[in-house]
Amino acid sequence: DDIDVFSDEQCDWGLATLALPYSTLLYSHALSAFLVFTAFAVLFFERVGPGRPFRLVLAGLLAVVGLWVVLTNNSFIRARNKVDEAWSGIDVQLKRRHDLVPNLVETVRAYAAHESATLAAVTQARTAAMSAATRPERGAAEAQLTGALEGIRVVAEQYPELRASESFRVLQGELSELEDQIQASRRIYNAN
């Protein structure tokens, strides 16, 4: 859950993973800065000629390149913070869904007690989703929970008195709203 984007592990940008470690990205920016510096130096020294103060020009060009490197690094940090904030939005919605699942299971149990296999699958999927440690594990566990919740919807179709229950309808409405909010949070995460 806490991936350090700026370590020598892989950078996590959205759901896709950039296959370059941060140090490689930094080196590529340093190389491009060197190339830009070299191009400016060649162009400048062609115009200035040999009689001008070489050290002052060199210091100015180094300052510009240093500023460019700092600004580039800051943009990486800003991007990492946006990704972390977007993940936090997903995490909040998933926790809300986890809190809703026990109420939904109890409501279904009251009307369809003999559907214990479906209810156990939902409970196990919720437990797995809550205990997942990494983002890939969490994604798989959440997919399993979504599938298990579909099982509850199928059970509800078989029991008209369950569908007529006010508490079940309220919980189903809340669950649908949470699913929409999770999708919106995922879109924000993927956009970053």
N, C-alpha and C. Protein backbone atom coordinates (compact mmCIF):
# COMPACT_ATOMS: atom_id res chain seq x y z
N ASP A 1 0.82 -1.19 0.00
CA ASP A 1 0.00 0.00 0.00
C ASP A 1 0.87 1.25 0.00
N ASP A 2 1.99 1.21 0.71
CA ASP A 2 2.90 2.36 0.73
C ASP A 2 4.07 2.09 -0.20
N ILE A 3 3.90 2.39 -1.46
CA ILE A 3 4.97 2.21 -2.44
C ILE A 3 5.71 3.52 -2.56
N ASP A 4 7.03 3.46 -2.39
CA ASP A 4 7.84 4.66 -2.55
C ASP A 4 8.18 4.80 -4.02
N VAL A 5 7.51 5.72 -4.69
CA VAL A 5 7.68 5.90 -6.12
C VAL A 5 9.10 6.31 -6.46
N PHE A 6 9.79 6.96 -5.54
CA PHE A 6 11.10 7.50 -5.83
C PHE A 6 12.23 6.64 -5.28
N SER A 7 11.95 5.39 -5.03
CA SER A 7 13.02 4.47 -4.66
C SER A 7 13.52 3.80 -5.93
N ASP A 8 14.42 2.87 -5.80
CA ASP A 8 14.92 2.17 -6.97
C ASP A 8 14.00 1.02 -7.37
N GLU A 9 12.80 0.97 -6.78
CA GLU A 9 11.80 0.02 -7.24
C GLU A 9 11.12 0.65 -8.45
N GLN A 10 10.14 -0.05 -8.98
CA GLN A 10 9.46 0.49 -10.16
C GLN A 10 8.55 1.64 -9.76
N CYS A 11 8.45 2.65 -10.63
CA CYS A 11 7.57 3.78 -10.40
C CYS A 11 6.14 3.36 -10.69
N ASP A 12 5.23 3.69 -9.80
CA ASP A 12 3.83 3.34 -9.96
C ASP A 12 3.07 4.58 -10.38
N TRP A 13 2.70 4.65 -11.65
CA TRP A 13 1.94 5.79 -12.16
C TRP A 13 0.59 5.27 -12.61
N GLY A 14 -0.42 5.40 -11.78
CA GLY A 14 -1.74 4.88 -12.13
C GLY A 14 -1.73 3.37 -12.00
N LEU A 15 -2.60 2.71 -12.77
CA LEU A 15 -2.64 1.26 -12.71
C LEU A 15 -1.52 0.64 -13.55
N ALA A 16 -1.02 1.38 -14.52
CA ALA A 16 0.11 0.90 -15.31
C ALA A 16 1.39 1.22 -14.55
N THR A 17 2.38 0.35 -14.66
CA THR A 17 3.64 0.56 -13.96
C THR A 17 4.71 0.91 -14.97
N LEU A 18 5.36 2.03 -14.75
CA LEU A 18 6.46 2.43 -15.61
C LEU A 18 7.64 1.54 -15.27
N ALA A 19 8.21 0.88 -16.26
CA ALA A 19 9.22 -0.14 -16.01
C ALA A 19 10.62 0.43 -15.86
N LEU A 20 10.74 1.69 -15.48
CA LEU A 20 12.04 2.29 -15.26
C LEU A 20 12.16 2.68 -13.79
N PRO A 21 13.25 2.32 -13.13
CA PRO A 21 13.42 2.79 -11.75
C PRO A 21 13.66 4.29 -11.75
N TYR A 22 13.37 4.91 -10.61
CA TYR A 22 13.49 6.36 -10.49
C TYR A 22 14.91 6.83 -10.80
N SER A 23 15.92 6.06 -10.37
CA SER A 23 17.30 6.47 -10.64
C SER A 23 17.57 6.54 -12.14
N THR A 24 16.97 5.64 -12.92
CA THR A 24 17.13 5.69 -14.38
C THR A 24 16.48 6.93 -14.94
N LEU A 25 15.29 7.26 -14.42
CA LEU A 25 14.62 8.49 -14.87
C LEU A 25 15.47 9.71 -14.54
N LEU A 26 16.04 9.74 -13.34
CA LEU A 26 16.87 10.86 -12.95
C LEU A 26 18.11 10.96 -13.82
N TYR A 27 18.74 9.81 -14.10
CA TYR A 27 19.93 9.81 -14.97
C TYR A 27 19.58 10.27 -16.38
N SER A 28 18.43 9.86 -16.87
CA SER A 28 18.04 10.29 -18.22
C SER A 28 17.82 11.79 -18.25
N HIS A 29 17.26 12.35 -17.17
CA HIS A 29 17.10 13.81 -17.11
C HIS A 29 18.45 14.51 -16.97
N ALA A 30 19.36 13.92 -16.23
CA ALA A 30 20.69 14.52 -16.11
C ALA A 30 21.41 14.48 -17.46
N LEU A 31 21.25 13.38 -18.20
CA LEU A 31 21.87 13.29 -19.52
C LEU A 31 21.27 14.32 -20.47
N SER A 32 19.95 14.46 -20.44
CA SER A 32 19.33 15.46 -21.31
C SER A 32 19.74 16.87 -20.89
N ALA A 33 19.91 17.10 -19.59
CA ALA A 33 20.39 18.41 -19.14
C ALA A 33 21.81 18.66 -19.64
N PHE A 34 22.65 17.63 -19.61
CA PHE A 34 24.01 17.78 -20.12
C PHE A 34 24.00 18.10 -21.61
N LEU A 35 23.14 17.42 -22.36
CA LEU A 35 23.06 17.68 -23.80
C LEU A 35 22.57 19.10 -24.08
N VAL A 36 21.58 19.55 -23.32
CA VAL A 36 21.08 20.92 -23.48
C VAL A 36 22.19 21.92 -23.14
N PHE A 37 22.89 21.65 -22.04
CA PHE A 37 23.99 22.51 -21.63
C PHE A 37 25.07 22.58 -22.71
N THR A 38 25.42 21.44 -23.26
CA THR A 38 26.44 21.39 -24.31
C THR A 38 26.00 22.18 -25.54
N ALA A 39 24.74 22.01 -25.93
CA ALA A 39 24.24 22.73 -27.10
C ALA A 39 24.28 24.24 -26.87
N PHE A 40 23.83 24.68 -25.69
CA PHE A 40 23.88 26.11 -25.38
C PHE A 40 25.32 26.63 -25.35
N ALA A 41 26.20 25.83 -24.76
CA ALA A 41 27.60 26.27 -24.66
C ALA A 41 28.21 26.43 -26.05
N VAL A 42 27.98 25.48 -26.92
CA VAL A 42 28.53 25.57 -28.28
C VAL A 42 27.97 26.78 -29.00
N LEU A 43 26.66 26.97 -28.94
CA LEU A 43 26.03 28.12 -29.60
C LEU A 43 26.53 29.44 -29.02
N PHE A 44 26.64 29.50 -27.70
CA PHE A 44 27.05 30.74 -27.06
C PHE A 44 28.50 31.08 -27.38
N PHE A 45 29.38 30.09 -27.30
CA PHE A 45 30.79 30.37 -27.54
C PHE A 45 31.08 30.69 -29.01
N GLU A 46 30.25 30.22 -29.90
CA GLU A 46 30.39 30.62 -31.30
C GLU A 46 30.08 32.10 -31.47
N ARG A 47 29.09 32.60 -30.71
CA ARG A 47 28.69 34.00 -30.82
C ARG A 47 29.60 34.92 -30.02
N VAL A 48 30.06 34.47 -28.85
CA VAL A 48 30.82 35.32 -27.95
C VAL A 48 32.26 35.47 -28.43
N GLY A 49 32.85 34.43 -28.85
CA GLY A 49 34.25 34.48 -29.29
C GLY A 49 35.19 34.20 -28.14
N PRO A 50 36.48 34.06 -28.41
CA PRO A 50 37.45 33.65 -27.39
C PRO A 50 37.80 34.74 -26.39
N GLY A 51 37.51 36.00 -26.62
CA GLY A 51 37.94 37.07 -25.73
C GLY A 51 37.00 37.33 -24.57
N ARG A 52 35.90 36.67 -24.45
CA ARG A 52 34.90 36.92 -23.38
C ARG A 52 35.19 36.09 -22.14
N PRO A 53 34.60 36.48 -21.01
CA PRO A 53 34.85 35.76 -19.74
C PRO A 53 34.20 34.37 -19.74
N PHE A 54 35.02 33.37 -19.90
CA PHE A 54 34.56 31.99 -20.01
C PHE A 54 33.90 31.49 -18.72
N ARG A 55 34.48 31.78 -17.58
CA ARG A 55 33.97 31.26 -16.31
C ARG A 55 32.59 31.81 -15.96
N LEU A 56 32.34 33.05 -16.25
CA LEU A 56 31.05 33.67 -15.96
C LEU A 56 29.95 33.02 -16.81
N VAL A 57 30.24 32.80 -18.07
CA VAL A 57 29.28 32.15 -18.96
C VAL A 57 29.03 30.72 -18.52
N LEU A 58 30.08 30.01 -18.17
CA LEU A 58 29.95 28.63 -17.72
C LEU A 58 29.12 28.56 -16.44
N ALA A 59 29.36 29.46 -15.50
CA ALA A 59 28.58 29.49 -14.24
C ALA A 59 27.11 29.77 -14.53
N GLY A 60 26.83 30.68 -15.45
CA GLY A 60 25.44 30.99 -15.81
C GLY A 60 24.73 29.79 -16.42
N LEU A 61 25.42 29.11 -17.32
CA LEU A 61 24.82 27.93 -17.94
C LEU A 61 24.61 26.81 -16.92
N LEU A 62 25.55 26.62 -16.02
CA LEU A 62 25.38 25.61 -14.97
C LEU A 62 24.20 25.95 -14.06
N ALA A 63 24.03 27.22 -13.76
CA ALA A 63 22.91 27.64 -12.93
C ALA A 63 21.57 27.34 -13.63
N VAL A 64 21.49 27.60 -14.91
CA VAL A 64 20.26 27.32 -15.67
C VAL A 64 19.98 25.82 -15.69
N VAL A 65 21.00 25.02 -15.94
CA VAL A 65 20.81 23.57 -15.96
C VAL A 65 20.44 23.06 -14.56
N GLY A 66 21.06 23.58 -13.52
CA GLY A 66 20.72 23.18 -12.16
C GLY A 66 19.27 23.52 -11.82
N LEU A 67 18.83 24.70 -12.23
CA LEU A 67 17.44 25.09 -12.01
C LEU A 67 16.51 24.14 -12.75
N TRP A 68 16.86 23.77 -13.96
CA TRP A 68 16.04 22.86 -14.74
C TRP A 68 15.92 21.49 -14.05
N VAL A 69 17.04 20.99 -13.52
CA VAL A 69 17.02 19.69 -12.83
C VAL A 69 16.14 19.76 -11.58
N VAL A 70 16.24 20.85 -10.81
CA VAL A 70 15.43 21.00 -9.60
C VAL A 70 13.94 21.05 -9.97
N LEU A 71 13.59 21.82 -10.98
CA LEU A 71 12.19 21.92 -11.39
C LEU A 71 11.65 20.59 -11.89
N THR A 72 12.47 19.83 -12.60
CA THR A 72 12.05 18.52 -13.08
C THR A 72 11.82 17.57 -11.90
N ASN A 73 12.71 17.58 -10.94
CA ASN A 73 12.55 16.73 -9.76
C ASN A 73 11.28 17.12 -8.99
N ASN A 74 11.01 18.40 -8.88
CA ASN A 74 9.79 18.85 -8.20
C ASN A 74 8.54 18.39 -8.94
N SER A 75 8.60 18.34 -10.26
CA SER A 75 7.43 17.86 -11.00
C SER A 75 7.20 16.37 -10.74
N PHE A 76 8.28 15.59 -10.57
CA PHE A 76 8.13 14.18 -10.21
C PHE A 76 7.47 14.05 -8.83
N ILE A 77 7.89 14.86 -7.90
CA ILE A 77 7.33 14.81 -6.55
C ILE A 77 5.85 15.20 -6.58
N ARG A 78 5.51 16.22 -7.35
CA ARG A 78 4.12 16.62 -7.49
C ARG A 78 3.28 15.49 -8.08
N ALA A 79 3.81 14.81 -9.08
CA ALA A 79 3.09 13.70 -9.70
C ALA A 79 2.89 12.56 -8.70
N ARG A 80 3.92 12.25 -7.91
CA ARG A 80 3.79 11.20 -6.90
C ARG A 80 2.72 11.56 -5.88
N ASN A 81 2.69 12.81 -5.45
CA ASN A 81 1.70 13.24 -4.47
C ASN A 81 0.28 13.16 -5.03
N LYS A 82 0.11 13.48 -6.32
CA LYS A 82 -1.21 13.37 -6.94
C LYS A 82 -1.66 11.92 -7.00
N VAL A 83 -0.74 11.01 -7.30
CA VAL A 83 -1.08 9.59 -7.35
C VAL A 83 -1.45 9.10 -5.95
N ASP A 84 -0.68 9.50 -4.94
CA ASP A 84 -0.99 9.09 -3.56
C ASP A 84 -2.35 9.62 -3.12
N GLU A 85 -2.65 10.86 -3.47
CA GLU A 85 -3.95 11.45 -3.11
C GLU A 85 -5.09 10.72 -3.81
N ALA A 86 -4.90 10.38 -5.08
CA ALA A 86 -5.93 9.66 -5.82
C ALA A 86 -6.15 8.27 -5.23
N TRP A 87 -5.06 7.60 -4.84
CA TRP A 87 -5.20 6.28 -4.21
C TRP A 87 -5.95 6.40 -2.88
N SER A 88 -5.69 7.47 -2.16
CA SER A 88 -6.39 7.68 -0.89
C SER A 88 -7.90 7.78 -1.12
N GLY A 89 -8.30 8.43 -2.22
CA GLY A 89 -9.73 8.52 -2.54
C GLY A 89 -10.34 7.16 -2.78
N ILE A 90 -9.62 6.29 -3.48
CA ILE A 90 -10.11 4.92 -3.71
C ILE A 90 -10.19 4.18 -2.38
N ASP A 91 -9.17 4.32 -1.57
CA ASP A 91 -9.10 3.61 -0.30
C ASP A 91 -10.28 3.97 0.62
N VAL A 92 -10.63 5.23 0.66
CA VAL A 92 -11.76 5.68 1.49
C VAL A 92 -13.05 5.01 1.03
N GLN A 93 -13.28 4.99 -0.28
CA GLN A 93 -14.51 4.39 -0.80
C GLN A 93 -14.55 2.89 -0.55
N LEU A 94 -13.40 2.22 -0.68
CA LEU A 94 -13.37 0.79 -0.43
C LEU A 94 -13.65 0.48 1.04
N LYS A 95 -13.12 1.30 1.94
CA LYS A 95 -13.40 1.09 3.37
C LYS A 95 -14.87 1.28 3.67
N ARG A 96 -15.49 2.26 3.02
CA ARG A 96 -16.94 2.46 3.21
C ARG A 96 -17.71 1.24 2.74
N ARG A 97 -17.26 0.66 1.62
CA ARG A 97 -17.94 -0.55 1.11
C ARG A 97 -17.74 -1.70 2.08
N HIS A 98 -16.53 -1.84 2.62
CA HIS A 98 -16.27 -2.91 3.59
C HIS A 98 -17.17 -2.76 4.81
N ASP A 99 -17.43 -1.53 5.23
CA ASP A 99 -18.29 -1.31 6.39
C ASP A 99 -19.76 -1.62 6.08
N LEU A 100 -20.15 -1.51 4.83
CA LEU A 100 -21.54 -1.75 4.43
C LEU A 100 -21.84 -3.25 4.28
N VAL A 101 -20.84 -4.04 3.92
CA VAL A 101 -21.05 -5.45 3.62
C VAL A 101 -21.65 -6.24 4.79
N PRO A 102 -21.19 -6.09 6.04
CA PRO A 102 -21.81 -6.88 7.13
C PRO A 102 -23.30 -6.60 7.30
N ASN A 103 -23.70 -5.34 7.14
CA ASN A 103 -25.13 -5.01 7.25
C ASN A 103 -25.93 -5.68 6.14
N LEU A 104 -25.37 -5.69 4.95
CA LEU A 104 -26.04 -6.32 3.81
C LEU A 104 -26.16 -7.83 4.03
N VAL A 105 -25.11 -8.45 4.53
CA VAL A 105 -25.12 -9.89 4.79
C VAL A 105 -26.17 -10.23 5.85
N GLU A 106 -26.24 -9.46 6.91
CA GLU A 106 -27.23 -9.72 7.96
C GLU A 106 -28.65 -9.56 7.46
N THR A 107 -28.88 -8.57 6.61
CA THR A 107 -30.21 -8.38 6.05
C THR A 107 -30.61 -9.56 5.17
N VAL A 108 -29.69 -10.02 4.34
CA VAL A 108 -29.98 -11.17 3.48
C VAL A 108 -30.17 -12.43 4.31
N ARG A 109 -29.36 -12.59 5.35
CA ARG A 109 -29.46 -13.77 6.22
C ARG A 109 -30.84 -13.86 6.87
N ALA A 110 -31.41 -12.72 7.20
CA ALA A 110 -32.73 -12.71 7.84
C ALA A 110 -33.81 -13.25 6.89
N TYR A 111 -33.66 -13.04 5.60
CA TYR A 111 -34.68 -13.47 4.63
C TYR A 111 -34.32 -14.77 3.92
N ALA A 112 -33.05 -15.06 3.81
CA ALA A 112 -32.62 -16.24 3.04
C ALA A 112 -31.53 -16.98 3.81
N ALA A 113 -31.90 -17.53 4.93
CA ALA A 113 -30.92 -18.17 5.81
C ALA A 113 -30.24 -19.37 5.15
N HIS A 114 -30.92 -20.06 4.25
CA HIS A 114 -30.33 -21.25 3.66
C HIS A 114 -29.37 -20.92 2.51
N GLU A 115 -29.12 -19.65 2.26
CA GLU A 115 -28.14 -19.23 1.25
C GLU A 115 -26.78 -18.98 1.92
N SER A 116 -26.42 -19.86 2.84
CA SER A 116 -25.22 -19.66 3.65
C SER A 116 -23.93 -19.67 2.82
N ALA A 117 -23.90 -20.44 1.73
CA ALA A 117 -22.69 -20.48 0.91
C ALA A 117 -22.41 -19.12 0.29
N THR A 118 -23.43 -18.46 -0.21
CA THR A 118 -23.27 -17.14 -0.80
C THR A 118 -22.84 -16.13 0.26
N LEU A 119 -23.47 -16.18 1.42
CA LEU A 119 -23.14 -15.25 2.49
C LEU A 119 -21.72 -15.49 3.01
N ALA A 120 -21.32 -16.75 3.09
CA ALA A 120 -19.95 -17.06 3.53
C ALA A 120 -18.93 -16.56 2.51
N ALA A 121 -19.26 -16.68 1.22
CA ALA A 121 -18.35 -16.20 0.18
C ALA A 121 -18.16 -14.69 0.27
N VAL A 122 -19.24 -13.98 0.55
CA VAL A 122 -19.15 -12.52 0.69
C VAL A 122 -18.31 -12.16 1.91
N THR A 123 -18.54 -12.84 3.01
CA THR A 123 -17.79 -12.57 4.23
C THR A 123 -16.30 -12.88 4.04
N GLN A 124 -15.99 -13.99 3.40
CA GLN A 124 -14.58 -14.33 3.15
C GLN A 124 -13.93 -13.34 2.20
N ALA A 125 -14.67 -12.92 1.17
CA ALA A 125 -14.11 -11.95 0.22
C ALA A 125 -13.85 -10.61 0.90
N ARG A 126 -14.75 -10.20 1.79
CA ARG A 126 -14.55 -8.95 2.53
C ARG A 126 -13.31 -9.04 3.42
N THR A 127 -13.16 -10.16 4.11
CA THR A 127 -11.99 -10.35 4.97
C THR A 127 -10.70 -10.32 4.15
N ALA A 128 -10.71 -10.98 2.99
CA ALA A 128 -9.53 -10.98 2.13
C ALA A 128 -9.22 -9.57 1.63
N ALA A 129 -10.24 -8.82 1.28
CA ALA A 129 -10.03 -7.45 0.77
C ALA A 129 -9.48 -6.54 1.86
N MET A 130 -9.94 -6.73 3.08
CA MET A 130 -9.48 -5.89 4.17
C MET A 130 -8.05 -6.23 4.59
N SER A 131 -7.63 -7.49 4.38
CA SER A 131 -6.31 -7.90 4.83
C SER A 131 -5.26 -7.89 3.73
N ALA A 132 -5.63 -7.52 2.52
CA ALA A 132 -4.66 -7.48 1.42
C ALA A 132 -3.61 -6.41 1.71
N ALA A 133 -2.34 -6.76 1.45
CA ALA A 133 -1.25 -5.87 1.83
C ALA A 133 -0.79 -4.97 0.68
N THR A 134 -0.67 -5.52 -0.51
CA THR A 134 -0.15 -4.73 -1.63
C THR A 134 -1.29 -4.32 -2.55
N ARG A 135 -1.02 -3.38 -3.41
CA ARG A 135 -2.05 -2.92 -4.34
C ARG A 135 -2.51 -4.02 -5.29
N PRO A 136 -1.62 -4.83 -5.86
CA PRO A 136 -2.11 -5.92 -6.72
C PRO A 136 -2.97 -6.93 -5.97
N GLU A 137 -2.56 -7.29 -4.75
CA GLU A 137 -3.36 -8.20 -3.93
C GLU A 137 -4.72 -7.58 -3.63
N ARG A 138 -4.69 -6.30 -3.33
CA ARG A 138 -5.92 -5.60 -2.99
C ARG A 138 -6.86 -5.54 -4.19
N GLY A 139 -6.30 -5.31 -5.38
CA GLY A 139 -7.12 -5.29 -6.58
C GLY A 139 -7.80 -6.62 -6.82
N ALA A 140 -7.05 -7.72 -6.65
CA ALA A 140 -7.61 -9.05 -6.84
C ALA A 140 -8.68 -9.35 -5.79
N ALA A 141 -8.42 -8.97 -4.55
CA ALA A 141 -9.38 -9.22 -3.48
C ALA A 141 -10.65 -8.39 -3.68
N GLU A 142 -10.50 -7.17 -4.14
CA GLU A 142 -11.67 -6.32 -4.38
C GLU A 142 -12.50 -6.87 -5.54
N ALA A 143 -11.84 -7.42 -6.55
CA ALA A 143 -12.57 -8.03 -7.66
C ALA A 143 -13.35 -9.24 -7.17
N GLN A 144 -12.74 -10.00 -6.26
CA GLN A 144 -13.42 -11.17 -5.69
C GLN A 144 -14.63 -10.70 -4.87
N LEU A 145 -14.48 -9.63 -4.11
CA LEU A 145 -15.59 -9.10 -3.32
C LEU A 145 -16.72 -8.61 -4.23
N THR A 146 -16.37 -7.95 -5.31
CA THR A 146 -17.39 -7.49 -6.25
C THR A 146 -18.17 -8.67 -6.82
N GLY A 147 -17.46 -9.74 -7.16
CA GLY A 147 -18.13 -10.95 -7.66
C GLY A 147 -19.04 -11.57 -6.60
N ALA A 148 -18.58 -11.58 -5.36
CA ALA A 148 -19.39 -12.14 -4.28
C ALA A 148 -20.64 -11.29 -4.04
N LEU A 149 -20.50 -9.98 -4.16
CA LEU A 149 -21.66 -9.11 -3.99
C LEU A 149 -22.67 -9.31 -5.12
N GLU A 150 -22.20 -9.68 -6.29
CA GLU A 150 -23.12 -10.02 -7.38
C GLU A 150 -23.94 -11.24 -7.00
N GLY A 151 -23.34 -12.16 -6.24
CA GLY A 151 -24.06 -13.33 -5.76
C GLY A 151 -25.22 -12.93 -4.86
N ILE A 152 -25.04 -11.89 -4.06
CA ILE A 152 -26.13 -11.41 -3.21
C ILE A 152 -27.25 -10.83 -4.08
N ARG A 153 -26.88 -10.15 -5.13
CA ARG A 153 -27.90 -9.59 -6.03
C ARG A 153 -28.72 -10.71 -6.69
N VAL A 154 -28.04 -11.82 -7.03
CA VAL A 154 -28.74 -12.97 -7.61
C VAL A 154 -29.69 -13.58 -6.58
N VAL A 155 -29.23 -13.70 -5.34
CA VAL A 155 -30.07 -14.22 -4.27
C VAL A 155 -31.30 -13.33 -4.09
N ALA A 156 -31.10 -12.03 -4.15
CA ALA A 156 -32.21 -11.09 -3.97
C ALA A 156 -33.26 -11.27 -5.05
N GLU A 157 -32.84 -11.63 -6.25
CA GLU A 157 -33.80 -11.85 -7.33
C GLU A 157 -34.68 -13.07 -7.05
N GLN A 158 -34.17 -14.02 -6.30
CA GLN A 158 -34.92 -15.24 -6.01
C GLN A 158 -35.89 -15.07 -4.85
N TYR A 159 -35.76 -13.99 -4.09
CA TYR A 159 -36.58 -13.78 -2.90
C TYR A 159 -37.30 -12.44 -2.99
N PRO A 160 -38.52 -12.44 -3.45
CA PRO A 160 -39.26 -11.17 -3.60
C PRO A 160 -39.45 -10.43 -2.28
N GLU A 161 -39.62 -11.17 -1.19
CA GLU A 161 -39.79 -10.49 0.10
C GLU A 161 -38.51 -9.78 0.53
N LEU A 162 -37.36 -10.32 0.12
CA LEU A 162 -36.08 -9.65 0.40
C LEU A 162 -35.98 -8.36 -0.39
N ARG A 163 -36.33 -8.41 -1.67
CA ARG A 163 -36.30 -7.20 -2.51
C ARG A 163 -37.27 -6.16 -2.00
N ALA A 164 -38.36 -6.60 -1.39
CA ALA A 164 -39.36 -5.66 -0.88
C ALA A 164 -38.94 -5.04 0.45
N SER A 165 -37.96 -5.63 1.10
CA SER A 165 -37.51 -5.13 2.39
C SER A 165 -36.90 -3.73 2.25
N GLU A 166 -37.36 -2.84 3.10
CA GLU A 166 -36.86 -1.45 3.06
C GLU A 166 -35.37 -1.38 3.38
N SER A 167 -34.94 -2.13 4.38
CA SER A 167 -33.51 -2.09 4.75
C SER A 167 -32.63 -2.62 3.62
N PHE A 168 -33.09 -3.67 2.94
CA PHE A 168 -32.30 -4.20 1.82
C PHE A 168 -32.22 -3.20 0.68
N ARG A 169 -33.33 -2.55 0.38
CA ARG A 169 -33.32 -1.56 -0.71
C ARG A 169 -32.40 -0.39 -0.37
N VAL A 170 -32.42 0.05 0.88
CA VAL A 170 -31.54 1.15 1.30
C VAL A 170 -30.08 0.72 1.18
N LEU A 171 -29.77 -0.49 1.67
CA LEU A 171 -28.39 -0.98 1.59
C LEU A 171 -27.96 -1.18 0.13
N GLN A 172 -28.83 -1.69 -0.71
CA GLN A 172 -28.51 -1.85 -2.13
C GLN A 172 -28.27 -0.49 -2.78
N GLY A 173 -29.07 0.51 -2.41
CA GLY A 173 -28.87 1.86 -2.94
C GLY A 173 -27.53 2.43 -2.51
N GLU A 174 -27.20 2.25 -1.24
CA GLU A 174 -25.91 2.72 -0.74
C GLU A 174 -24.75 2.00 -1.44
N LEU A 175 -24.92 0.69 -1.64
CA LEU A 175 -23.87 -0.08 -2.31
C LEU A 175 -23.70 0.39 -3.76
N SER A 176 -24.78 0.64 -4.44
CA SER A 176 -24.69 1.13 -5.83
C SER A 176 -24.01 2.50 -5.87
N GLU A 177 -24.37 3.35 -4.92
CA GLU A 177 -23.74 4.68 -4.85
C GLU A 177 -22.24 4.56 -4.58
N LEU A 178 -21.87 3.66 -3.67
CA LEU A 178 -20.46 3.44 -3.37
C LEU A 178 -19.71 2.89 -4.58
N GLU A 179 -20.34 1.99 -5.32
CA GLU A 179 -19.70 1.45 -6.52
C GLU A 179 -19.44 2.57 -7.53
N ASP A 180 -20.40 3.48 -7.67
CA ASP A 180 -20.21 4.63 -8.57
C ASP A 180 -19.07 5.52 -8.09
N GLN A 181 -19.01 5.75 -6.78
CA GLN A 181 -17.94 6.58 -6.23
C GLN A 181 -16.57 5.91 -6.37
N ILE A 182 -16.53 4.59 -6.24
CA ILE A 182 -15.28 3.86 -6.44
C ILE A 182 -14.83 4.00 -7.89
N GLN A 183 -15.76 3.86 -8.82
CA GLN A 183 -15.41 4.02 -10.24
C GLN A 183 -14.89 5.43 -10.52
N ALA A 184 -15.54 6.45 -9.93
CA ALA A 184 -15.08 7.82 -10.13
C ALA A 184 -13.67 8.01 -9.54
N SER A 185 -13.43 7.44 -8.38
CA SER A 185 -12.10 7.53 -7.76
C SER A 185 -11.05 6.81 -8.60
N ARG A 186 -11.42 5.69 -9.19
CA ARG A 186 -10.48 4.97 -10.05
C ARG A 186 -10.15 5.77 -11.31
N ARG A 187 -11.16 6.45 -11.85
CA ARG A 187 -10.89 7.29 -13.03
C ARG A 187 -9.92 8.40 -12.68
N ILE A 188 -10.10 9.01 -11.51
CA ILE A 188 -9.18 10.06 -11.07
C ILE A 188 -7.77 9.49 -10.89
N TYR A 189 -7.70 8.30 -10.29
CA TYR A 189 -6.39 7.65 -10.07
C TYR A 189 -5.72 7.36 -11.39
N ASN A 190 -6.46 6.84 -12.35
CA ASN A 190 -5.88 6.50 -13.64
C ASN A 190 -5.50 7.74 -14.44
N ALA A 191 -6.18 8.84 -14.20
CA ALA A 191 -5.84 10.08 -14.91
C ALA A 191 -4.53 10.66 -14.40
N ASN A 192 -4.14 10.29 -13.19
CA ASN A 192 -2.89 10.79 -12.64
C ASN A 192 -1.78 9.85 -13.00
